[in-house]
C-alpha atoms as a PDB file:
ATOM      1  CA  MET A   1    -110.746-210.116-140.985  1.00  0.00           C
ATOM      2  CA  ALA A   2    -113.113-207.986-142.638  1.00  0.00           C
ATOM      3  CA  GLU A   3    -115.021-208.662-145.933  1.00  0.00           C
ATOM      4  CA  LYS A   4    -113.162-207.567-148.857  1.00  0.00           C
ATOM      5  CA  SER A   5    -114.837-205.872-151.253  1.00  0.00           C
ATOM      6  CA  LYS A   6    -115.194-207.063-154.764  1.00  0.00           C
ATOM      7  CA  THR A   7    -115.693-203.421-156.140  1.00  0.00           C
ATOM      8  CA  VAL A   8    -112.513-202.465-154.808  1.00  0.00           C
ATOM      9  CA  ALA A   9    -110.485-205.234-155.866  1.00  0.00           C
ATOM     10  CA  ALA A  10    -111.699-204.879-159.323  1.00  0.00           C
ATOM     11  CA  LEU A  11    -110.616-201.426-159.183  1.00  0.00           C
ATOM     12  CA  LEU A  12    -107.405-202.348-158.092  1.00  0.00           C
ATOM     13  CA  CYS A  13    -106.762-204.761-160.715  1.00  0.00           C
ATOM     14  CA  PHE A  14    -108.092-202.425-163.664  1.00  0.00           C
ATOM     15  CA  PHE A  15    -105.627-199.517-162.425  1.00  0.00           C
ATOM     16  CA  LEU A  16    -102.851-200.971-160.456  1.00  0.00           C
ATOM     17  CA  GLY A  17    -103.018-204.520-161.880  1.00  0.00           C
ATOM     18  CA  SER A  18     -99.335-204.644-163.153  1.00  0.00           C
ATOM     19  CA  LEU A  19     -98.318-204.048-159.882  1.00  0.00           C
ATOM     20  CA  GLY A  20    -100.364-206.875-158.315  1.00  0.00           C
ATOM     21  CA  ILE A  21    -101.973-204.667-155.671  1.00  0.00           C
ATOM     22  CA  HIS A  22    -105.323-206.223-156.049  1.00  0.00           C
ATOM     23  CA  ARG A  23    -103.477-209.696-154.860  1.00  0.00           C
ATOM     24  CA  PHE A  24    -101.901-208.198-151.863  1.00  0.00           C
ATOM     25  CA  TYR A  25    -105.477-206.821-151.194  1.00  0.00           C
ATOM     26  CA  LEU A  26    -106.857-210.421-151.585  1.00  0.00           C
ATOM     27  CA  GLY A  27    -104.770-211.995-149.577  1.00  0.00           C
ATOM     28  CA  LYS A  28    -102.594-213.309-152.252  1.00  0.00           C
ATOM     29  CA  ILE A  29     -98.891-212.004-151.290  1.00  0.00           C
ATOM     30  CA  GLY A  30     -96.954-214.890-153.103  1.00  0.00           C
ATOM     31  CA  THR A  31     -98.766-214.211-156.477  1.00  0.00           C
ATOM     32  CA  GLY A  32     -98.604-210.311-156.378  1.00  0.00           C
ATOM     33  CA  ILE A  33     -94.697-210.627-155.240  1.00  0.00           C
ATOM     34  CA  LEU A  34     -94.724-212.421-158.581  1.00  0.00           C
ATOM     35  CA  GLN A  35     -96.538-209.853-160.965  1.00  0.00           C
ATOM     36  CA  ILE A  36     -93.915-207.161-159.231  1.00  0.00           C
ATOM     37  CA  VAL A  37     -90.933-209.426-160.296  1.00  0.00           C
ATOM     38  CA  LEU A  38     -92.254-209.939-163.377  1.00  0.00           C
ATOM     39  CA  LEU A  39     -93.059-206.246-164.238  1.00  0.00           C
ATOM     40  CA  VAL A  40     -89.426-205.445-163.045  1.00  0.00           C
ATOM     41  CA  LEU A  41     -87.969-208.052-165.022  1.00  0.00           C
ATOM     42  CA  GLY A  42     -89.847-207.120-168.085  1.00  0.00           C
ATOM     43  CA  SER A  43     -88.562-203.565-167.747  1.00  0.00           C
ATOM     44  CA  ILE A  44     -85.074-204.589-167.471  1.00  0.00           C
ATOM     45  CA  LEU A  45     -85.261-206.791-169.957  1.00  0.00           C
ATOM     46  CA  LEU A  46     -86.823-204.675-172.875  1.00  0.00           C
ATOM     47  CA  VAL A  47     -83.869-203.831-173.854  1.00  0.00           C
ATOM     48  CA  PHE A  48     -83.472-207.378-175.492  1.00  0.00           C
ATOM     49  CA  GLY A  49     -87.085-207.817-176.308  1.00  0.00           C
ATOM     50  CA  ILE A  50     -87.757-210.424-173.933  1.00  0.00           C
ATOM     51  CA  GLY A  51     -89.483-208.072-171.815  1.00  0.00           C
ATOM     52  CA  ALA A  52     -91.956-207.183-174.220  1.00  0.00           C
ATOM     53  CA  PHE A  53     -92.868-210.967-173.839  1.00  0.00           C
ATOM     54  CA  LEU A  54     -93.256-210.801-169.950  1.00  0.00           C
ATOM     55  CA  TYR A  55     -95.199-207.597-170.275  1.00  0.00           C
ATOM     56  CA  GLY A  56     -97.302-209.683-172.366  1.00  0.00           C
ATOM     57  CA  ILE A  57     -97.898-212.450-170.296  1.00  0.00           C
ATOM     58  CA  LEU A  58     -98.180-209.961-167.218  1.00  0.00           C
ATOM     59  CA  GLY A  59    -100.935-208.318-169.221  1.00  0.00           C
ATOM     60  CA  LEU A  60    -102.741-211.384-170.154  1.00  0.00           C
ATOM     61  CA  TRP A  61    -102.776-212.884-166.162  1.00  0.00           C
ATOM     62  CA  VAL A  62    -104.333-209.276-165.084  1.00  0.00           C
ATOM     63  CA  LEU A  63    -106.961-209.344-167.747  1.00  0.00           C
ATOM     64  CA  ILE A  64    -107.752-213.030-166.087  1.00  0.00           C
ATOM     65  CA  ASP A  65    -107.725-211.523-162.866  1.00  0.00           C
ATOM     66  CA  PHE A  66    -109.888-208.962-163.601  1.00  0.00           C
ATOM     67  CA  ILE A  67    -112.669-211.242-165.235  1.00  0.00           C
ATOM     68  CA  LEU A  68    -112.304-213.626-162.142  1.00  0.00           C
ATOM     69  CA  ILE A  69    -112.867-210.832-159.806  1.00  0.00           C
ATOM     70  CA  LEU A  70    -115.927-209.733-161.827  1.00  0.00           C
ATOM     71  CA  THR A  71    -117.207-213.085-162.018  1.00  0.00           C
ATOM     72  CA  GLY A  72    -116.850-213.807-158.315  1.00  0.00           C
ATOM     73  CA  SER A  73    -114.009-216.602-158.929  1.00  0.00           C
ATOM     74  CA  LEU A  74    -110.961-215.201-157.531  1.00  0.00           C
ATOM     75  CA  LYS A  75    -111.772-214.486-153.672  1.00  0.00           C
ATOM     76  CA  ALA A  76    -109.813-213.375-150.683  1.00  0.00           C
ATOM     77  CA  LYS A  77    -107.848-215.984-148.273  1.00  0.00           C
END
């Protein structure tokens, strides 16, 4: 497998982070799917007010991922 670019991962996280695309790029398929599920559930449950909480969790997760990618702590499998 070719070496994954830290810059590409950071850009994917910044622009498409809530979709988990950066996680798929890094080979972390399970957590990428989990991020998509949080986004979809948040969208569905937004009517009940719970969705905003799920969006907050997802946003915090993406921010932490972004920082971890920039520091080199989150690497490809």
